[in-house]
């Protein structure tokens, strides 16, 4: 049984604030970003790791030992290794995905960046992605990092979510709007 999102988010925010401040004081934000990439890749690639993070079967000490050994093997920073050990000891590892997301947001904000979630009907070329990032940067005034996904059901066009705005230029949404307007006429 997973914890409610609000609990994970609250716990993650507290840990993220502490980790971010420690990394900033130590001028280790670049290392923190590298840690986040490594952790996120490990979580995406390993169902076993995801299971260990949320399993009550393992003792606190066993979980802490396993996580700190794994952190050492992944060459994570001392700050992140210590944080993972503390989270394991306090049975808070279930909040790790939320911690990663919050730390990414904090690092991006510090660098003056925003992330745009882009869904397209087909894979964007590098030139298309670069052009989209430049267009968004000109509009928002901040460097935009694209998080791109493909959804072939869109038929064509894009859905872009950045900050609190969503721009939907997909053919699927245009067809749905046309269908609704035809219902009103008929």
C-alpha atoms as a PDB file:
ATOM      1  CA  UNK A   1       0.000   0.000   0.000  1.00  0.00           C
ATOM      2  CA  UNK A   2       1.517   3.312  -0.999  1.00  0.00           C
ATOM      3  CA  UNK A   3       1.384   6.468   1.077  1.00  0.00           C
ATOM      4  CA  UNK A   4      -0.881   9.309  -0.033  1.00  0.00           C
ATOM      5  CA  UNK A   5       0.820  11.733  -2.406  1.00  0.00           C
ATOM      6  CA  UNK A   6       0.451  14.641   0.018  1.00  0.00           C
ATOM      7  CA  UNK A   7       2.414  12.781   2.712  1.00  0.00           C
ATOM      8  CA  UNK A   8       5.188  11.893   0.243  1.00  0.00           C
ATOM      9  CA  UNK A   9       5.256  15.463  -1.053  1.00  0.00           C
ATOM     10  CA  UNK A  10       5.475  16.971   2.445  1.00  0.00           C
ATOM     11  CA  UNK A  11       8.226  14.607   3.552  1.00  0.00           C
ATOM     12  CA  UNK A  12      10.102  15.096   0.275  1.00  0.00           C
ATOM     13  CA  UNK A  13       9.892  18.885   0.595  1.00  0.00           C
ATOM     14  CA  UNK A  14      11.507  18.815   4.047  1.00  0.00           C
ATOM     15  CA  UNK A  15      14.338  16.502   2.974  1.00  0.00           C
ATOM     16  CA  UNK A  16      14.785  18.389  -0.310  1.00  0.00           C
ATOM     17  CA  UNK A  17      15.160  21.721   1.480  1.00  0.00           C
ATOM     18  CA  UNK A  18      17.865  20.289   3.741  1.00  0.00           C
ATOM     19  CA  UNK A  19      19.728  18.542   0.890  1.00  0.00           C
ATOM     20  CA  UNK A  20      19.507  21.585  -1.371  1.00  0.00           C
ATOM     21  CA  UNK A  21      20.813  23.966   1.302  1.00  0.00           C
ATOM     22  CA  UNK A  22      23.718  21.621   2.147  1.00  0.00           C
ATOM     23  CA  UNK A  23      24.627  21.241  -1.542  1.00  0.00           C
ATOM     24  CA  UNK A  24      24.371  24.999  -2.108  1.00  0.00           C
ATOM     25  CA  UNK A  25      26.569  25.795   0.920  1.00  0.00           C
ATOM     26  CA  UNK A  26      29.138  23.271  -0.325  1.00  0.00           C
ATOM     27  CA  UNK A  27      28.986  24.590  -3.923  1.00  0.00           C
ATOM     28  CA  UNK A  28      27.911  21.086  -4.922  1.00  0.00           C
ATOM     29  CA  UNK A  29      24.777  21.760  -6.995  1.00  0.00           C
ATOM     30  CA  UNK A  30      26.359  20.213 -10.110  1.00  0.00           C
ATOM     31  CA  UNK A  31      27.113  17.065  -8.110  1.00  0.00           C
ATOM     32  CA  UNK A  32      23.556  17.066  -6.795  1.00  0.00           C
ATOM     33  CA  UNK A  33      22.217  17.164 -10.371  1.00  0.00           C
ATOM     34  CA  UNK A  34      24.431  14.211 -11.260  1.00  0.00           C
ATOM     35  CA  UNK A  35      23.150  12.320  -8.191  1.00  0.00           C
ATOM     36  CA  UNK A  36      19.565  12.985  -9.262  1.00  0.00           C
ATOM     37  CA  UNK A  37      20.234  11.679 -12.792  1.00  0.00           C
ATOM     38  CA  UNK A  38      21.841   8.528 -11.383  1.00  0.00           C
ATOM     39  CA  UNK A  39      19.069   7.897  -8.860  1.00  0.00           C
ATOM     40  CA  UNK A  40      16.302   8.515 -11.369  1.00  0.00           C
ATOM     41  CA  UNK A  41      17.901   6.122 -13.872  1.00  0.00           C
ATOM     42  CA  UNK A  42      18.260   3.461 -11.154  1.00  0.00           C
ATOM     43  CA  UNK A  43      14.609   3.849 -10.118  1.00  0.00           C
ATOM     44  CA  UNK A  44      13.431   3.641 -13.730  1.00  0.00           C
ATOM     45  CA  UNK A  45      15.590   0.607 -14.504  1.00  0.00           C
ATOM     46  CA  UNK A  46      15.115  -1.504 -11.367  1.00  0.00           C
ATOM     47  CA  UNK A  47      11.797  -2.891 -10.190  1.00  0.00           C
ATOM     48  CA  UNK A  48      13.743  -4.539  -7.342  1.00  0.00           C
ATOM     49  CA  UNK A  49      15.000  -1.164  -6.125  1.00  0.00           C
ATOM     50  CA  UNK A  50      11.485   0.291  -6.259  1.00  0.00           C
ATOM     51  CA  UNK A  51      10.218  -2.699  -4.263  1.00  0.00           C
ATOM     52  CA  UNK A  52      12.913  -2.320  -1.579  1.00  0.00           C
ATOM     53  CA  UNK A  53      12.115   1.387  -1.166  1.00  0.00           C
ATOM     54  CA  UNK A  54       8.534   0.723  -0.157  1.00  0.00           C
ATOM     55  CA  UNK A  55       8.746  -2.738   1.416  1.00  0.00           C
ATOM     56  CA  UNK A  56       8.117  -3.044   5.172  1.00  0.00           C
ATOM     57  CA  UNK A  57       9.660  -6.549   5.107  1.00  0.00           C
ATOM     58  CA  UNK A  58      13.240  -5.355   5.555  1.00  0.00           C
ATOM     59  CA  UNK A  59      14.462  -3.963   8.874  1.00  0.00           C
ATOM     60  CA  UNK A  60      15.518  -0.328   9.112  1.00  0.00           C
ATOM     61  CA  UNK A  61      19.154  -1.348   9.534  1.00  0.00           C
ATOM     62  CA  UNK A  62      19.070  -3.760   6.577  1.00  0.00           C
ATOM     63  CA  UNK A  63      17.447  -1.131   4.370  1.00  0.00           C
ATOM     64  CA  UNK A  64      19.930   1.554   5.461  1.00  0.00           C
ATOM     65  CA  UNK A  65      22.889  -0.786   4.848  1.00  0.00           C
ATOM     66  CA  UNK A  66      21.586  -1.800   1.422  1.00  0.00           C
ATOM     67  CA  UNK A  67      20.829   1.783   0.364  1.00  0.00           C
ATOM     68  CA  UNK A  68      24.153   3.209   1.542  1.00  0.00           C
ATOM     69  CA  UNK A  69      26.040   0.335  -0.177  1.00  0.00           C
ATOM     70  CA  UNK A  70      24.084   1.008  -3.359  1.00  0.00           C
ATOM     71  CA  UNK A  71      24.754   4.747  -3.069  1.00  0.00           C
ATOM     72  CA  UNK A  72      28.464   4.048  -2.700  1.00  0.00           C
ATOM     73  CA  UNK A  73      28.419   1.750  -5.743  1.00  0.00           C
ATOM     74  CA  UNK A  74      26.624   4.470  -7.760  1.00  0.00           C
ATOM     75  CA  UNK A  75      29.240   7.040  -6.609  1.00  0.00           C
ATOM     76  CA  UNK A  76      26.627   9.329  -5.072  1.00  0.00           C
ATOM     77  CA  UNK A  77      27.801  12.325  -3.085  1.00  0.00           C
ATOM     78  CA  UNK A  78      28.199  12.165   0.689  1.00  0.00           C
ATOM     79  CA  UNK A  79      25.217  14.471   1.076  1.00  0.00           C
ATOM     80  CA  UNK A  80      22.924  12.190  -0.948  1.00  0.00           C
ATOM     81  CA  UNK A  81      24.308   8.996   0.593  1.00  0.00           C
ATOM     82  CA  UNK A  82      23.703  10.385   4.087  1.00  0.00           C
ATOM     83  CA  UNK A  83      20.226  11.534   3.144  1.00  0.00           C
ATOM     84  CA  UNK A  84      19.299   8.115   1.744  1.00  0.00           C
ATOM     85  CA  UNK A  85      20.626   6.452   4.894  1.00  0.00           C
ATOM     86  CA  UNK A  86      18.589   8.793   7.091  1.00  0.00           C
ATOM     87  CA  UNK A  87      15.480   8.261   4.961  1.00  0.00           C
ATOM     88  CA  UNK A  88      15.949   4.479   5.269  1.00  0.00           C
ATOM     89  CA  UNK A  89      16.409   4.706   9.044  1.00  0.00           C
ATOM     90  CA  UNK A  90      13.240   6.799   9.333  1.00  0.00           C
ATOM     91  CA  UNK A  91      11.308   4.581   6.882  1.00  0.00           C
ATOM     92  CA  UNK A  92      10.887   7.462   4.438  1.00  0.00           C
ATOM     93  CA  UNK A  93      12.399   5.936   1.285  1.00  0.00           C
ATOM     94  CA  UNK A  94       8.915   5.707  -0.253  1.00  0.00           C
ATOM     95  CA  UNK A  95       9.220   9.492  -0.725  1.00  0.00           C
ATOM     96  CA  UNK A  96      12.369   9.206  -2.885  1.00  0.00           C
ATOM     97  CA  UNK A  97      10.618   9.838  -6.246  1.00  0.00           C
ATOM     98  CA  UNK A  98       8.976  12.964  -4.792  1.00  0.00           C
ATOM     99  CA  UNK A  99      12.348  14.034  -3.313  1.00  0.00           C
ATOM    100  CA  UNK A 100      14.006  13.726  -6.728  1.00  0.00           C
ATOM    101  CA  UNK A 101      11.237  15.775  -8.367  1.00  0.00           C
ATOM    102  CA  UNK A 102      11.402  18.495  -5.695  1.00  0.00           C
ATOM    103  CA  UNK A 103      15.199  18.716  -5.839  1.00  0.00           C
ATOM    104  CA  UNK A 104      15.080  18.990  -9.644  1.00  0.00           C
ATOM    105  CA  UNK A 105      12.600  21.841  -9.292  1.00  0.00           C
ATOM    106  CA  UNK A 106      14.790  23.617  -6.720  1.00  0.00           C
ATOM    107  CA  UNK A 107      17.971  23.236  -8.795  1.00  0.00           C
ATOM    108  CA  UNK A 108      16.187  24.462 -11.936  1.00  0.00           C
ATOM    109  CA  UNK A 109      14.805  27.469 -10.067  1.00  0.00           C
ATOM    110  CA  UNK A 110      18.285  28.279  -8.752  1.00  0.00           C
ATOM    111  CA  UNK A 111      19.635  28.146 -12.317  1.00  0.00           C
ATOM    112  CA  UNK A 112      16.759  30.220 -13.701  1.00  0.00           C
ATOM    113  CA  UNK A 113      15.368  27.282 -15.663  1.00  0.00           C
ATOM    114  CA  UNK A 114      11.880  25.890 -16.108  1.00  0.00           C
ATOM    115  CA  UNK A 115      10.862  22.485 -17.387  1.00  0.00           C
ATOM    116  CA  UNK A 116       8.310  22.111 -20.147  1.00  0.00           C
ATOM    117  CA  UNK A 117       6.481  18.808 -20.527  1.00  0.00           C
ATOM    118  CA  UNK A 118       6.048  18.273 -24.255  1.00  0.00           C
ATOM    119  CA  UNK A 119       3.936  15.520 -25.766  1.00  0.00           C
ATOM    120  CA  UNK A 120       4.151  15.069 -29.515  1.00  0.00           C
ATOM    121  CA  UNK A 121       2.623  12.670 -32.020  1.00  0.00           C
ATOM    122  CA  UNK A 122       6.087  11.608 -33.210  1.00  0.00           C
ATOM    123  CA  UNK A 123       9.658  11.938 -31.997  1.00  0.00           C
ATOM    124  CA  UNK A 124      10.948  15.506 -32.280  1.00  0.00           C
ATOM    125  CA  UNK A 125      14.176  16.019 -34.190  1.00  0.00           C
ATOM    126  CA  UNK A 126      16.973  17.843 -32.381  1.00  0.00           C
ATOM    127  CA  UNK A 127      16.327  20.892 -34.580  1.00  0.00           C
ATOM    128  CA  UNK A 128      12.595  20.859 -33.690  1.00  0.00           C
ATOM    129  CA  UNK A 129      13.330  20.466 -29.977  1.00  0.00           C
ATOM    130  CA  UNK A 130      15.908  23.271 -30.068  1.00  0.00           C
ATOM    131  CA  UNK A 131      13.491  25.563 -31.934  1.00  0.00           C
ATOM    132  CA  UNK A 132      10.703  24.818 -29.440  1.00  0.00           C
ATOM    133  CA  UNK A 133      13.028  25.478 -26.491  1.00  0.00           C
ATOM    134  CA  UNK A 134      14.128  28.799 -28.035  1.00  0.00           C
ATOM    135  CA  UNK A 135      10.531  29.850 -28.729  1.00  0.00           C
ATOM    136  CA  UNK A 136       9.504  29.040 -25.167  1.00  0.00           C
ATOM    137  CA  UNK A 137      12.569  30.827 -23.777  1.00  0.00           C
ATOM    138  CA  UNK A 138      11.657  33.958 -25.737  1.00  0.00           C
ATOM    139  CA  UNK A 139       8.110  33.801 -24.392  1.00  0.00           C
ATOM    140  CA  UNK A 140       8.905  32.966 -20.757  1.00  0.00           C
ATOM    141  CA  UNK A 141      12.226  34.707 -20.334  1.00  0.00           C
ATOM    142  CA  UNK A 142      13.927  31.699 -18.730  1.00  0.00           C
ATOM    143  CA  UNK A 143      15.949  28.795 -20.063  1.00  0.00           C
ATOM    144  CA  UNK A 144      13.557  25.946 -20.844  1.00  0.00           C
ATOM    145  CA  UNK A 145      14.475  22.300 -20.394  1.00  0.00           C
ATOM    146  CA  UNK A 146      12.231  19.978 -22.405  1.00  0.00           C
ATOM    147  CA  UNK A 147      10.807  16.765 -20.988  1.00  0.00           C
ATOM    148  CA  UNK A 148       9.582  15.102 -24.188  1.00  0.00           C
ATOM    149  CA  UNK A 149       7.147  12.187 -24.546  1.00  0.00           C
ATOM    150  CA  UNK A 150       5.473  10.670 -27.598  1.00  0.00           C
ATOM    151  CA  UNK A 151       1.750   9.910 -27.860  1.00  0.00           C
ATOM    152  CA  UNK A 152       0.810   8.732 -31.356  1.00  0.00           C
ATOM    153  CA  UNK A 153      -2.904   9.171 -30.574  1.00  0.00           C
ATOM    154  CA  UNK A 154      -2.399  12.942 -30.914  1.00  0.00           C
ATOM    155  CA  UNK A 155      -2.177  12.374 -34.699  1.00  0.00           C
ATOM    156  CA  UNK A 156      -0.131  15.577 -35.111  1.00  0.00           C
ATOM    157  CA  UNK A 157       0.799  18.739 -33.260  1.00  0.00           C
ATOM    158  CA  UNK A 158       1.992  19.178 -29.672  1.00  0.00           C
ATOM    159  CA  UNK A 159       0.805  19.524 -26.108  1.00  0.00           C
ATOM    160  CA  UNK A 160       3.138  21.779 -24.123  1.00  0.00           C
ATOM    161  CA  UNK A 161       2.813  22.265 -20.369  1.00  0.00           C
ATOM    162  CA  UNK A 162       5.102  24.900 -18.884  1.00  0.00           C
ATOM    163  CA  UNK A 163       4.700  26.622 -15.528  1.00  0.00           C
ATOM    164  CA  UNK A 164       0.933  26.694 -15.046  1.00  0.00           C
ATOM    165  CA  UNK A 165       0.075  27.003 -18.743  1.00  0.00           C
ATOM    166  CA  UNK A 166      -0.901  24.348 -21.255  1.00  0.00           C
ATOM    167  CA  UNK A 167      -0.834  24.826 -25.012  1.00  0.00           C
ATOM    168  CA  UNK A 168      -2.625  22.076 -26.944  1.00  0.00           C
ATOM    169  CA  UNK A 169      -2.155  22.223 -30.712  1.00  0.00           C
ATOM    170  CA  UNK A 170      -2.775  18.520 -31.282  1.00  0.00           C
ATOM    171  CA  UNK A 171      -4.997  17.396 -34.119  1.00  0.00           C
ATOM    172  CA  UNK A 172      -6.762  15.067 -31.657  1.00  0.00           C
ATOM    173  CA  UNK A 173      -7.959  18.032 -29.553  1.00  0.00           C
ATOM    174  CA  UNK A 174      -8.940  19.993 -32.671  1.00  0.00           C
ATOM    175  CA  UNK A 175     -11.004  17.044 -33.899  1.00  0.00           C
ATOM    176  CA  UNK A 176     -12.652  16.733 -30.475  1.00  0.00           C
ATOM    177  CA  UNK A 177     -13.502  20.455 -30.511  1.00  0.00           C
ATOM    178  CA  UNK A 178     -14.923  20.123 -34.032  1.00  0.00           C
ATOM    179  CA  UNK A 179     -16.985  17.116 -32.970  1.00  0.00           C
ATOM    180  CA  UNK A 180     -18.393  19.082 -29.999  1.00  0.00           C
ATOM    181  CA  UNK A 181     -19.276  22.055 -32.167  1.00  0.00           C
ATOM    182  CA  UNK A 182     -21.028  19.744 -34.667  1.00  0.00           C
ATOM    183  CA  UNK A 183     -23.112  18.248 -31.836  1.00  0.00           C
ATOM    184  CA  UNK A 184     -24.263  21.763 -30.861  1.00  0.00           C
ATOM    185  CA  UNK A 185     -25.295  22.514 -34.460  1.00  0.00           C
ATOM    186  CA  UNK A 186     -27.068  19.193 -35.038  1.00  0.00           C
END
